[in-house]
Amino acid sequence: GMIYYVDKPEEWDNIVNNGFLDYVKELKAQGTIRHIGMSTHN
């Protein structure tokens, strides 16, 4: 399960702090995604 297109440091901070990453980790705990990835150009 890929966290889509994060190119700004502040956007990564938002993902960590605003529930997005928690949702991704929940999907992994459920087995809906097996591993966590991310796409970036930076």
PDB file of all heavy atoms in Angstrom:
ATOM      1  N   GLY A   1       0.847  -1.190   0.000  1.00  0.00           N
ATOM      2  CA  GLY A   1       0.000   0.000   0.000  1.00  0.00           C
ATOM      3  C   GLY A   1       0.878   1.233   0.000  1.00  0.00           C
ATOM      4  O   GLY A   1       1.642   1.476   0.948  1.00  0.00           O
ATOM      5  N   MET A   2       0.795   2.008  -1.066  1.00  0.00           N
ATOM      6  CA  MET A   2       1.694   3.142  -1.273  1.00  0.00           C
ATOM      7  C   MET A   2       1.050   4.451  -0.805  1.00  0.00           C
ATOM      8  O   MET A   2      -0.076   4.765  -1.200  1.00  0.00           O
ATOM      9  CB  MET A   2       2.035   3.271  -2.762  1.00  0.00           C
ATOM     10  CG  MET A   2       2.653   2.037  -3.387  1.00  0.00           C
ATOM     11  SD  MET A   2       4.312   1.730  -2.776  1.00  0.00           S
ATOM     12  CE  MET A   2       5.175   3.160  -3.447  1.00  0.00           C
ATOM     13  N   ILE A   3       1.766   5.202   0.020  1.00  0.00           N
ATOM     14  CA  ILE A   3       1.354   6.571   0.329  1.00  0.00           C
ATOM     15  C   ILE A   3       1.716   7.414  -0.891  1.00  0.00           C
ATOM     16  O   ILE A   3       2.880   7.515  -1.264  1.00  0.00           O
ATOM     17  CB  ILE A   3       2.058   7.087   1.593  1.00  0.00           C
ATOM     18  CG1 ILE A   3       1.723   6.182   2.788  1.00  0.00           C
ATOM     19  CG2 ILE A   3       1.648   8.529   1.875  1.00  0.00           C
ATOM     20  CD1 ILE A   3       2.564   6.463   4.013  1.00  0.00           C
ATOM     21  N   TYR A   4       0.720   7.994  -1.511  1.00  0.00           N
ATOM     22  CA  TYR A   4       0.878   8.554  -2.853  1.00  0.00           C
ATOM     23  C   TYR A   4       1.530   9.934  -2.860  1.00  0.00           C
ATOM     24  O   TYR A   4       1.062  10.860  -2.191  1.00  0.00           O
ATOM     25  CB  TYR A   4      -0.501   8.619  -3.516  1.00  0.00           C
ATOM     26  CG  TYR A   4      -0.527   9.282  -4.866  1.00  0.00           C
ATOM     27  CD1 TYR A   4       0.232   8.777  -5.931  1.00  0.00           C
ATOM     28  CD2 TYR A   4      -1.319  10.397  -5.102  1.00  0.00           C
ATOM     29  CE1 TYR A   4       0.200   9.371  -7.174  1.00  0.00           C
ATOM     30  CE2 TYR A   4      -1.366  10.998  -6.351  1.00  0.00           C
ATOM     31  CZ  TYR A   4      -0.591  10.485  -7.384  1.00  0.00           C
ATOM     32  OH  TYR A   4      -0.629  11.092  -8.622  1.00  0.00           O
ATOM     33  N   TYR A   5       2.647  10.066  -3.584  1.00  0.00           N
ATOM     34  CA  TYR A   5       3.195  11.323  -4.093  1.00  0.00           C
ATOM     35  C   TYR A   5       3.384  12.366  -2.988  1.00  0.00           C
ATOM     36  O   TYR A   5       2.634  13.338  -2.908  1.00  0.00           O
ATOM     37  CB  TYR A   5       2.262  11.852  -5.177  1.00  0.00           C
ATOM     38  CG  TYR A   5       2.791  12.975  -6.052  1.00  0.00           C
ATOM     39  CD1 TYR A   5       2.050  13.397  -7.162  1.00  0.00           C
ATOM     40  CD2 TYR A   5       3.990  13.625  -5.783  1.00  0.00           C
ATOM     41  CE1 TYR A   5       2.484  14.421  -7.974  1.00  0.00           C
ATOM     42  CE2 TYR A   5       4.440  14.655  -6.587  1.00  0.00           C
ATOM     43  CZ  TYR A   5       3.674  15.052  -7.681  1.00  0.00           C
ATOM     44  OH  TYR A   5       4.119  16.084  -8.484  1.00  0.00           O
ATOM     45  N   VAL A   6       4.420  12.176  -2.192  1.00  0.00           N
ATOM     46  CA  VAL A   6       4.733  13.114  -1.117  1.00  0.00           C
ATOM     47  C   VAL A   6       6.075  13.771  -1.442  1.00  0.00           C
ATOM     48  O   VAL A   6       7.123  13.141  -1.323  1.00  0.00           O
ATOM     49  CB  VAL A   6       4.819  12.400   0.250  1.00  0.00           C
ATOM     50  CG1 VAL A   6       4.985  13.425   1.370  1.00  0.00           C
ATOM     51  CG2 VAL A   6       3.584  11.543   0.485  1.00  0.00           C
ATOM     52  N   ASP A   7       6.049  15.037  -1.852  1.00  0.00           N
ATOM     53  CA  ASP A   7       7.281  15.704  -2.278  1.00  0.00           C
ATOM     54  C   ASP A   7       7.700  16.861  -1.379  1.00  0.00           C
ATOM     55  O   ASP A   7       8.785  17.416  -1.554  1.00  0.00           O
ATOM     56  CB  ASP A   7       7.149  16.216  -3.717  1.00  0.00           C
ATOM     57  CG  ASP A   7       7.493  15.149  -4.750  1.00  0.00           C
ATOM     58  OD1 ASP A   7       7.743  13.998  -4.349  1.00  0.00           O
ATOM     59  OD2 ASP A   7       7.498  15.464  -5.956  1.00  0.00           O
ATOM     60  N   LYS A   8       6.853  17.242  -0.408  1.00  0.00           N
ATOM     61  CA  LYS A   8       7.188  18.351   0.477  1.00  0.00           C
ATOM     62  C   LYS A   8       7.344  17.849   1.906  1.00  0.00           C
ATOM     63  O   LYS A   8       6.511  17.083   2.385  1.00  0.00           O
ATOM     64  CB  LYS A   8       6.107  19.426   0.419  1.00  0.00           C
ATOM     65  CG  LYS A   8       5.986  20.092  -0.941  1.00  0.00           C
ATOM     66  CD  LYS A   8       4.953  21.198  -0.920  1.00  0.00           C
ATOM     67  CE  LYS A   8       4.876  21.900  -2.281  1.00  0.00           C
ATOM     68  NZ  LYS A   8       3.883  23.001  -2.271  1.00  0.00           N
ATOM     69  N   PRO A   9       8.387  18.292   2.608  1.00  0.00           N
ATOM     70  CA  PRO A   9       8.575  17.856   3.998  1.00  0.00           C
ATOM     71  C   PRO A   9       7.360  18.115   4.872  1.00  0.00           C
ATOM     72  O   PRO A   9       6.983  17.281   5.703  1.00  0.00           O
ATOM     73  CB  PRO A   9       9.788  18.667   4.453  1.00  0.00           C
ATOM     74  CG  PRO A   9      10.562  18.926   3.197  1.00  0.00           C
ATOM     75  CD  PRO A   9       9.524  19.125   2.130  1.00  0.00           C
ATOM     76  N   GLU A  10       6.716  19.267   4.686  1.00  0.00           N
ATOM     77  CA  GLU A  10       5.554  19.578   5.518  1.00  0.00           C
ATOM     78  C   GLU A  10       4.385  18.644   5.213  1.00  0.00           C
ATOM     79  O   GLU A  10       3.557  18.359   6.094  1.00  0.00           O
ATOM     80  CB  GLU A  10       5.137  21.037   5.347  1.00  0.00           C
ATOM     81  CG  GLU A  10       4.823  21.464   3.922  1.00  0.00           C
ATOM     82  CD  GLU A  10       6.026  22.046   3.195  1.00  0.00           C
ATOM     83  OE1 GLU A  10       7.163  21.633   3.492  1.00  0.00           O
ATOM     84  OE2 GLU A  10       5.812  22.909   2.322  1.00  0.00           O
ATOM     85  N   GLU A  11       4.329  18.143   3.994  1.00  0.00           N
ATOM     86  CA  GLU A  11       3.258  17.201   3.663  1.00  0.00           C
ATOM     87  C   GLU A  11       3.501  15.857   4.354  1.00  0.00           C
ATOM     88  O   GLU A  11       2.558  15.203   4.819  1.00  0.00           O
ATOM     89  CB  GLU A  11       3.162  17.014   2.148  1.00  0.00           C
ATOM     90  CG  GLU A  11       1.946  16.204   1.736  1.00  0.00           C
ATOM     91  CD  GLU A  11       1.744  16.164   0.226  1.00  0.00           C
ATOM     92  OE1 GLU A  11       2.633  16.626  -0.518  1.00  0.00           O
ATOM     93  OE2 GLU A  11       0.697  15.659  -0.196  1.00  0.00           O
ATOM     94  N   TRP A  12       4.768  15.425   4.422  1.00  0.00           N
ATOM     95  CA  TRP A  12       5.065  14.207   5.175  1.00  0.00           C
ATOM     96  C   TRP A  12       4.694  14.391   6.650  1.00  0.00           C
ATOM     97  O   TRP A  12       4.098  13.497   7.266  1.00  0.00           O
ATOM     98  CB  TRP A  12       6.545  13.841   5.046  1.00  0.00           C
ATOM     99  CG  TRP A  12       6.945  12.745   5.984  1.00  0.00           C
ATOM    100  CD1 TRP A  12       7.732  12.871   7.103  1.00  0.00           C
ATOM    101  CD2 TRP A  12       6.563  11.371   5.931  1.00  0.00           C
ATOM    102  NE1 TRP A  12       7.859  11.667   7.736  1.00  0.00           N
ATOM    103  CE2 TRP A  12       7.158  10.726   7.044  1.00  0.00           C
ATOM    104  CE3 TRP A  12       5.783  10.623   5.061  1.00  0.00           C
ATOM    105  CZ2 TRP A  12       6.993   9.366   7.304  1.00  0.00           C
ATOM    106  CZ3 TRP A  12       5.623   9.258   5.313  1.00  0.00           C
ATOM    107  CH2 TRP A  12       6.211   8.645   6.418  1.00  0.00           C
ATOM    108  N   ASP A  13       5.005  15.547   7.211  1.00  0.00           N
ATOM    109  CA  ASP A  13       4.643  15.809   8.602  1.00  0.00           C
ATOM    110  C   ASP A  13       3.132  15.720   8.797  1.00  0.00           C
ATOM    111  O   ASP A  13       2.653  15.171   9.804  1.00  0.00           O
ATOM    112  CB  ASP A  13       5.146  17.195   9.028  1.00  0.00           C
ATOM    113  CG  ASP A  13       6.657  17.258   9.182  1.00  0.00           C
ATOM    114  OD1 ASP A  13       7.277  16.190   9.389  1.00  0.00           O
ATOM    115  OD2 ASP A  13       7.215  18.359   9.075  1.00  0.00           O
ATOM    116  N   ASN A  14       2.371  16.258   7.851  1.00  0.00           N
ATOM    117  CA  ASN A  14       0.914  16.195   7.947  1.00  0.00           C
ATOM    118  C   ASN A  14       0.418  14.763   7.894  1.00  0.00           C
ATOM    119  O   ASN A  14      -0.501  14.374   8.630  1.00  0.00           O
ATOM    120  CB  ASN A  14       0.273  17.015   6.824  1.00  0.00           C
ATOM    121  CG  ASN A  14       0.404  18.504   7.041  1.00  0.00           C
ATOM    122  OD1 ASN A  14       0.550  18.961   8.176  1.00  0.00           O
ATOM    123  ND2 ASN A  14       0.366  19.274   5.965  1.00  0.00           N
ATOM    124  N   ILE A  15       1.012  13.953   7.026  1.00  0.00           N
ATOM    125  CA  ILE A  15       0.608  12.557   6.904  1.00  0.00           C
ATOM    126  C   ILE A  15       0.858  11.811   8.213  1.00  0.00           C
ATOM    127  O   ILE A  15       0.045  10.985   8.645  1.00  0.00           O
ATOM    128  CB  ILE A  15       1.352  11.902   5.725  1.00  0.00           C
ATOM    129  CG1 ILE A  15       0.703  12.340   4.410  1.00  0.00           C
ATOM    130  CG2 ILE A  15       1.359  10.373   5.831  1.00  0.00           C
ATOM    131  CD1 ILE A  15       1.493  11.991   3.187  1.00  0.00           C
ATOM    132  N   VAL A  16       1.979  12.118   8.862  1.00  0.00           N
ATOM    133  CA  VAL A  16       2.326  11.466  10.128  1.00  0.00           C
ATOM    134  C   VAL A  16       1.377  11.897  11.242  1.00  0.00           C
ATOM    135  O   VAL A  16       0.958  11.081  12.080  1.00  0.00           O
ATOM    136  CB  VAL A  16       3.783  11.784  10.507  1.00  0.00           C
ATOM    137  CG1 VAL A  16       4.084  11.319  11.933  1.00  0.00           C
ATOM    138  CG2 VAL A  16       4.744  11.133   9.523  1.00  0.00           C
ATOM    139  N   ASN A  17       0.997  13.176  11.245  1.00  0.00           N
ATOM    140  CA  ASN A  17       0.301  13.741  12.397  1.00  0.00           C
ATOM    141  C   ASN A  17      -1.212  13.861  12.253  1.00  0.00           C
ATOM    142  O   ASN A  17      -1.909  14.066  13.261  1.00  0.00           O
ATOM    143  CB  ASN A  17       0.873  15.131  12.703  1.00  0.00           C
ATOM    144  CG  ASN A  17       2.340  15.078  13.097  1.00  0.00           C
ATOM    145  OD1 ASN A  17       2.746  14.203  13.857  1.00  0.00           O
ATOM    146  ND2 ASN A  17       3.142  15.989  12.561  1.00  0.00           N
ATOM    147  N   ASN A  18      -1.726  13.726  11.043  1.00  0.00           N
ATOM    148  CA  ASN A  18      -3.155  14.026  10.823  1.00  0.00           C
ATOM    149  C   ASN A  18      -4.008  12.814  10.504  1.00  0.00           C
ATOM    150  O   ASN A  18      -5.086  12.945   9.910  1.00  0.00           O
ATOM    151  CB  ASN A  18      -3.301  15.069   9.702  1.00  0.00           C
ATOM    152  CG  ASN A  18      -2.758  16.425  10.121  1.00  0.00           C
ATOM    153  OD1 ASN A  18      -2.479  16.651  11.291  1.00  0.00           O
ATOM    154  ND2 ASN A  18      -2.617  17.328   9.170  1.00  0.00           N
ATOM    155  N   GLY A  19      -3.538  11.618  10.855  1.00  0.00           N
ATOM    156  CA  GLY A  19      -4.385  10.447  10.726  1.00  0.00           C
ATOM    157  C   GLY A  19      -4.174   9.615   9.483  1.00  0.00           C
ATOM    158  O   GLY A  19      -4.608   8.455   9.430  1.00  0.00           O
ATOM    159  N   PHE A  20      -3.517  10.167   8.464  1.00  0.00           N
ATOM    160  CA  PHE A  20      -3.332   9.426   7.221  1.00  0.00           C
ATOM    161  C   PHE A  20      -2.472   8.185   7.454  1.00  0.00           C
ATOM    162  O   PHE A  20      -2.840   7.069   7.071  1.00  0.00           O
ATOM    163  CB  PHE A  20      -2.694  10.334   6.167  1.00  0.00           C
ATOM    164  CG  PHE A  20      -2.739   9.795   4.763  1.00  0.00           C
ATOM    165  CD1 PHE A  20      -3.601  10.339   3.820  1.00  0.00           C
ATOM    166  CD2 PHE A  20      -1.917   8.746   4.358  1.00  0.00           C
ATOM    167  CE1 PHE A  20      -3.653   9.850   2.522  1.00  0.00           C
ATOM    168  CE2 PHE A  20      -1.951   8.252   3.074  1.00  0.00           C
ATOM    169  CZ  PHE A  20      -2.821   8.804   2.154  1.00  0.00           C
ATOM    170  N   LEU A  21      -1.322   8.367   8.096  1.00  0.00           N
ATOM    171  CA  LEU A  21      -0.438   7.233   8.351  1.00  0.00           C
ATOM    172  C   LEU A  21      -1.106   6.222   9.285  1.00  0.00           C
ATOM    173  O   LEU A  21      -0.942   5.007   9.114  1.00  0.00           O
ATOM    174  CB  LEU A  21       0.887   7.710   8.943  1.00  0.00           C
ATOM    175  CG  LEU A  21       1.929   6.621   9.220  1.00  0.00           C
ATOM    176  CD1 LEU A  21       2.295   5.874   7.948  1.00  0.00           C
ATOM    177  CD2 LEU A  21       3.188   7.229   9.852  1.00  0.00           C
ATOM    178  N   ASP A  22      -1.867   6.705  10.242  1.00  0.00           N
ATOM    179  CA  ASP A  22      -2.583   5.787  11.139  1.00  0.00           C
ATOM    180  C   ASP A  22      -3.541   4.892  10.349  1.00  0.00           C
ATOM    181  O   ASP A  22      -3.666   3.693  10.628  1.00  0.00           O
ATOM    182  CB  ASP A  22      -3.357   6.566  12.196  1.00  0.00           C
ATOM    183  CG  ASP A  22      -2.455   7.232  13.229  1.00  0.00           C
ATOM    184  OD1 ASP A  22      -1.312   6.748  13.405  1.00  0.00           O
ATOM    185  OD2 ASP A  22      -2.875   8.222  13.837  1.00  0.00           O
ATOM    186  N   TYR A  23      -4.216   5.477   9.364  1.00  0.00           N
ATOM    187  CA  TYR A  23      -5.123   4.703   8.518  1.00  0.00           C
ATOM    188  C   TYR A  23      -4.364   3.636   7.729  1.00  0.00           C
ATOM    189  O   TYR A  23      -4.787   2.477   7.650  1.00  0.00           O
ATOM    190  CB  TYR A  23      -5.871   5.642   7.566  1.00  0.00           C
ATOM    191  CG  TYR A  23      -6.612   4.941   6.451  1.00  0.00           C
ATOM    192  CD1 TYR A  23      -7.608   4.007   6.716  1.00  0.00           C
ATOM    193  CD2 TYR A  23      -6.309   5.219   5.114  1.00  0.00           C
ATOM    194  CE1 TYR A  23      -8.283   3.361   5.691  1.00  0.00           C
ATOM    195  CE2 TYR A  23      -6.976   4.588   4.091  1.00  0.00           C
ATOM    196  CZ  TYR A  23      -7.963   3.662   4.373  1.00  0.00           C
ATOM    197  OH  TYR A  23      -8.615   3.021   3.354  1.00  0.00           O
ATOM    198  N   VAL A  24      -3.215   4.012   7.178  1.00  0.00           N
ATOM    199  CA  VAL A  24      -2.406   3.054   6.415  1.00  0.00           C
ATOM    200  C   VAL A  24      -1.937   1.916   7.315  1.00  0.00           C
ATOM    201  O   VAL A  24      -1.989   0.731   6.938  1.00  0.00           O
ATOM    202  CB  VAL A  24      -1.215   3.772   5.754  1.00  0.00           C
ATOM    203  CG1 VAL A  24      -0.319   2.769   5.029  1.00  0.00           C
ATOM    204  CG2 VAL A  24      -1.697   4.845   4.778  1.00  0.00           C
ATOM    205  N   LYS A  25      -1.503   2.249   8.518  1.00  0.00           N
ATOM    206  CA  LYS A  25      -1.050   1.222   9.461  1.00  0.00           C
ATOM    207  C   LYS A  25      -2.201   0.316   9.895  1.00  0.00           C
ATOM    208  O   LYS A  25      -2.021  -0.886  10.111  1.00  0.00           O
ATOM    209  CB  LYS A  25      -0.402   1.894  10.673  1.00  0.00           C
ATOM    210  CG  LYS A  25       0.923   2.579  10.345  1.00  0.00           C
ATOM    211  CD  LYS A  25       1.384   3.524  11.417  1.00  0.00           C
ATOM    212  CE  LYS A  25       1.789   2.815  12.678  1.00  0.00           C
ATOM    213  NZ  LYS A  25       2.369   3.776  13.675  1.00  0.00           N
ATOM    214  N   GLU A  26      -3.378   0.879   9.993  1.00  0.00           N
ATOM    215  CA  GLU A  26      -4.567   0.077  10.318  1.00  0.00           C
ATOM    216  C   GLU A  26      -4.850  -0.926   9.202  1.00  0.00           C
ATOM    217  O   GLU A  26      -5.167  -2.094   9.464  1.00  0.00           O
ATOM    218  CB  GLU A  26      -5.759   1.016  10.516  1.00  0.00           C
ATOM    219  CG  GLU A  26      -7.068   0.337  10.863  1.00  0.00           C
ATOM    220  CD  GLU A  26      -8.203   1.343  10.985  1.00  0.00           C
ATOM    221  OE1 GLU A  26      -7.962   2.436  11.542  1.00  0.00           O
ATOM    222  OE2 GLU A  26      -9.308   1.045  10.507  1.00  0.00           O
ATOM    223  N   LEU A  27      -4.722  -0.490   7.965  1.00  0.00           N
ATOM    224  CA  LEU A  27      -4.919  -1.404   6.835  1.00  0.00           C
ATOM    225  C   LEU A  27      -3.907  -2.545   6.875  1.00  0.00           C
ATOM    226  O   LEU A  27      -4.242  -3.702   6.580  1.00  0.00           O
ATOM    227  CB  LEU A  27      -4.789  -0.653   5.507  1.00  0.00           C
ATOM    228  CG  LEU A  27      -5.904   0.334   5.158  1.00  0.00           C
ATOM    229  CD1 LEU A  27      -5.535   1.098   3.884  1.00  0.00           C
ATOM    230  CD2 LEU A  27      -7.239  -0.378   4.978  1.00  0.00           C
ATOM    231  N   LYS A  28      -2.670  -2.218   7.253  1.00  0.00           N
ATOM    232  CA  LYS A  28      -1.659  -3.272   7.353  1.00  0.00           C
ATOM    233  C   LYS A  28      -1.996  -4.249   8.474  1.00  0.00           C
ATOM    234  O   LYS A  28      -1.864  -5.470   8.319  1.00  0.00           O
ATOM    235  CB  LYS A  28      -0.275  -2.666   7.564  1.00  0.00           C
ATOM    236  CG  LYS A  28       0.826  -3.723   7.622  1.00  0.00           C
ATOM    237  CD  LYS A  28       2.207  -3.127   7.829  1.00  0.00           C
ATOM    238  CE  LYS A  28       3.249  -4.244   7.913  1.00  0.00           C
ATOM    239  NZ  LYS A  28       4.601  -3.725   8.187  1.00  0.00           N
ATOM    240  N   ALA A  29      -2.426  -3.733   9.612  1.00  0.00           N
ATOM    241  CA  ALA A  29      -2.784  -4.598  10.736  1.00  0.00           C
ATOM    242  C   ALA A  29      -3.927  -5.540  10.371  1.00  0.00           C
ATOM    243  O   ALA A  29      -3.980  -6.691  10.835  1.00  0.00           O
ATOM    244  CB  ALA A  29      -3.164  -3.743  11.945  1.00  0.00           C
ATOM    245  N   GLN A  30      -4.818  -5.076   9.498  1.00  0.00           N
ATOM    246  CA  GLN A  30      -5.948  -5.893   9.051  1.00  0.00           C
ATOM    247  C   GLN A  30      -5.544  -6.906   7.979  1.00  0.00           C
ATOM    248  O   GLN A  30      -6.305  -7.825   7.686  1.00  0.00           O
ATOM    249  CB  GLN A  30      -7.049  -4.996   8.481  1.00  0.00           C
ATOM    250  CG  GLN A  30      -7.685  -4.055   9.486  1.00  0.00           C
ATOM    251  CD  GLN A  30      -8.567  -3.014   8.818  1.00  0.00           C
ATOM    252  OE1 GLN A  30      -8.592  -2.885   7.583  1.00  0.00           O
ATOM    253  NE2 GLN A  30      -9.285  -2.246   9.619  1.00  0.00           N
ATOM    254  N   GLY A  31      -4.367  -6.723   7.380  1.00  0.00           N
ATOM    255  CA  GLY A  31      -3.945  -7.583   6.283  1.00  0.00           C
ATOM    256  C   GLY A  31      -4.453  -7.127   4.933  1.00  0.00           C
ATOM    257  O   GLY A  31      -4.231  -7.800   3.921  1.00  0.00           O
ATOM    258  N   THR A  32      -5.120  -5.957   4.886  1.00  0.00           N
ATOM    259  CA  THR A  32      -5.618  -5.435   3.609  1.00  0.00           C
ATOM    260  C   THR A  32      -4.475  -4.954   2.739  1.00  0.00           C
ATOM    261  O   THR A  32      -4.544  -5.006   1.513  1.00  0.00           O
ATOM    262  CB  THR A  32      -6.620  -4.295   3.859  1.00  0.00           C
ATOM    263  OG1 THR A  32      -7.626  -4.740   4.776  1.00  0.00           O
ATOM    264  CG2 THR A  32      -7.298  -3.875   2.557  1.00  0.00           C
ATOM    265  N   ILE A  33      -3.436  -4.445   3.373  1.00  0.00           N
ATOM    266  CA  ILE A  33      -2.161  -4.250   2.684  1.00  0.00           C
ATOM    267  C   ILE A  33      -1.115  -5.027   3.479  1.00  0.00           C
ATOM    268  O   ILE A  33      -1.216  -5.147   4.701  1.00  0.00           O
ATOM    269  CB  ILE A  33      -1.759  -2.765   2.552  1.00  0.00           C
ATOM    270  CG1 ILE A  33      -1.545  -2.120   3.921  1.00  0.00           C
ATOM    271  CG2 ILE A  33      -2.788  -1.995   1.732  1.00  0.00           C
ATOM    272  CD1 ILE A  33      -1.009  -0.706   3.851  1.00  0.00           C
ATOM    273  N   ARG A  34      -0.146  -5.565   2.782  1.00  0.00           N
ATOM    274  CA  ARG A  34       0.856  -6.399   3.452  1.00  0.00           C
ATOM    275  C   ARG A  34       2.098  -5.602   3.855  1.00  0.00           C
ATOM    276  O   ARG A  34       2.771  -5.939   4.816  1.00  0.00           O
ATOM    277  CB  ARG A  34       1.241  -7.566   2.530  1.00  0.00           C
ATOM    278  CG  ARG A  34       0.031  -8.384   2.063  1.00  0.00           C
ATOM    279  CD  ARG A  34      -0.646  -9.120   3.199  1.00  0.00           C
ATOM    280  NE  ARG A  34      -1.953  -9.653   2.874  1.00  0.00           N
ATOM    281  CZ  ARG A  34      -2.179 -10.791   2.214  1.00  0.00           C
ATOM    282  NH1 ARG A  34      -1.171 -11.520   1.775  1.00  0.00           N
ATOM    283  NH2 ARG A  34      -3.416 -11.191   1.991  1.00  0.00           N
ATOM    284  N   HIS A  35       2.400  -4.554   3.088  1.00  0.00           N
ATOM    285  CA  HIS A  35       3.574  -3.732   3.370  1.00  0.00           C
ATOM    286  C   HIS A  35       3.241  -2.283   3.048  1.00  0.00           C
ATOM    287  O   HIS A  35       2.363  -1.999   2.238  1.00  0.00           O
ATOM    288  CB  HIS A  35       4.785  -4.194   2.548  1.00  0.00           C
ATOM    289  CG  HIS A  35       5.148  -5.627   2.792  1.00  0.00           C
ATOM    290  ND1 HIS A  35       5.853  -6.040   3.895  1.00  0.00           N
ATOM    291  CD2 HIS A  35       4.870  -6.747   2.069  1.00  0.00           C
ATOM    292  CE1 HIS A  35       6.003  -7.351   3.849  1.00  0.00           C
ATOM    293  NE2 HIS A  35       5.425  -7.804   2.758  1.00  0.00           N
ATOM    294  N   ILE A  36       3.987  -1.353   3.669  1.00  0.00           N
ATOM    295  CA  ILE A  36       3.755   0.081   3.485  1.00  0.00           C
ATOM    296  C   ILE A  36       4.880   0.680   2.655  1.00  0.00           C
ATOM    297  O   ILE A  36       6.060   0.495   2.954  1.00  0.00           O
ATOM    298  CB  ILE A  36       3.673   0.806   4.844  1.00  0.00           C
ATOM    299  CG1 ILE A  36       2.482   0.276   5.654  1.00  0.00           C
ATOM    300  CG2 ILE A  36       3.545   2.318   4.640  1.00  0.00           C
ATOM    301  CD1 ILE A  36       2.416   0.835   7.071  1.00  0.00           C
ATOM    302  N   GLY A  37       4.504   1.392   1.605  1.00  0.00           N
ATOM    303  CA  GLY A  37       5.465   2.084   0.760  1.00  0.00           C
ATOM    304  C   GLY A  37       5.063   3.534   0.578  1.00  0.00           C
ATOM    305  O   GLY A  37       4.020   3.986   1.063  1.00  0.00           O
ATOM    306  N   MET A  38       5.891   4.282  -0.134  1.00  0.00           N
ATOM    307  CA  MET A  38       5.598   5.682  -0.426  1.00  0.00           C
ATOM    308  C   MET A  38       6.250   6.075  -1.737  1.00  0.00           C
ATOM    309  O   MET A  38       7.333   5.588  -2.065  1.00  0.00           O
ATOM    310  CB  MET A  38       6.109   6.588   0.700  1.00  0.00           C
ATOM    311  CG  MET A  38       5.661   8.048   0.565  1.00  0.00           C
ATOM    312  SD  MET A  38       6.382   9.120   1.835  1.00  0.00           S
ATOM    313  CE  MET A  38       8.011   9.402   1.128  1.00  0.00           C
ATOM    314  N   SER A  39       5.608   6.969  -2.475  1.00  0.00           N
ATOM    315  CA  SER A  39       6.215   7.489  -3.697  1.00  0.00           C
ATOM    316  C   SER A  39       6.621   8.947  -3.480  1.00  0.00           C
ATOM    317  O   SER A  39       5.884   9.738  -2.884  1.00  0.00           O
ATOM    318  CB  SER A  39       5.254   7.376  -4.883  1.00  0.00           C
ATOM    319  OG  SER A  39       4.072   8.129  -4.675  1.00  0.00           O
ATOM    320  N   THR A  40       7.810   9.287  -3.946  1.00  0.00           N
ATOM    321  CA  THR A  40       8.319  10.649  -3.840  1.00  0.00           C
ATOM    322  C   THR A  40       9.366  10.880  -4.912  1.00  0.00           C
ATOM    323  O   THR A  40       9.998   9.928  -5.403  1.00  0.00           O
ATOM    324  CB  THR A  40       8.916  10.919  -2.442  1.00  0.00           C
ATOM    325  OG1 THR A  40       9.357  12.287  -2.371  1.00  0.00           O
ATOM    326  CG2 THR A  40      10.125  10.022  -2.158  1.00  0.00           C
ATOM    327  N   HIS A  41       9.561  12.162  -5.255  1.00  0.00           N
ATOM    328  CA  HIS A  41      10.646  12.565  -6.155  1.00  0.00           C
ATOM    329  C   HIS A  41      11.724  13.329  -5.405  1.00  0.00           C
ATOM    330  O   HIS A  41      12.720  13.735  -6.009  1.00  0.00           O
ATOM    331  CB  HIS A  41      10.102  13.459  -7.281  1.00  0.00           C
ATOM    332  CG  HIS A  41       8.947  12.884  -8.031  1.00  0.00           C
ATOM    333  ND1 HIS A  41       7.646  13.070  -7.643  1.00  0.00           N
ATOM    334  CD2 HIS A  41       8.910  12.117  -9.136  1.00  0.00           C
ATOM    335  CE1 HIS A  41       6.837  12.445  -8.497  1.00  0.00           C
ATOM    336  NE2 HIS A  41       7.584  11.864  -9.397  1.00  0.00           N
ATOM    337  N   ASN A  42      11.505  13.560  -4.122  1.00  0.00           N
ATOM    338  CA  ASN A  42      12.370  14.439  -3.343  1.00  0.00           C
ATOM    339  C   ASN A  42      13.188  13.607  -2.357  1.00  0.00           C
ATOM    340  O   ASN A  42      12.633  12.980  -1.450  1.00  0.00           O
ATOM    341  CB  ASN A  42      11.507  15.455  -2.585  1.00  0.00           C
ATOM    342  CG  ASN A  42      12.330  16.517  -1.883  1.00  0.00           C
ATOM    343  OD1 ASN A  42      13.514  16.326  -1.589  1.00  0.00           O
ATOM    344  ND2 ASN A  42      11.717  17.652  -1.601  1.00  0.00           N
TER     345      ASN A  42
END
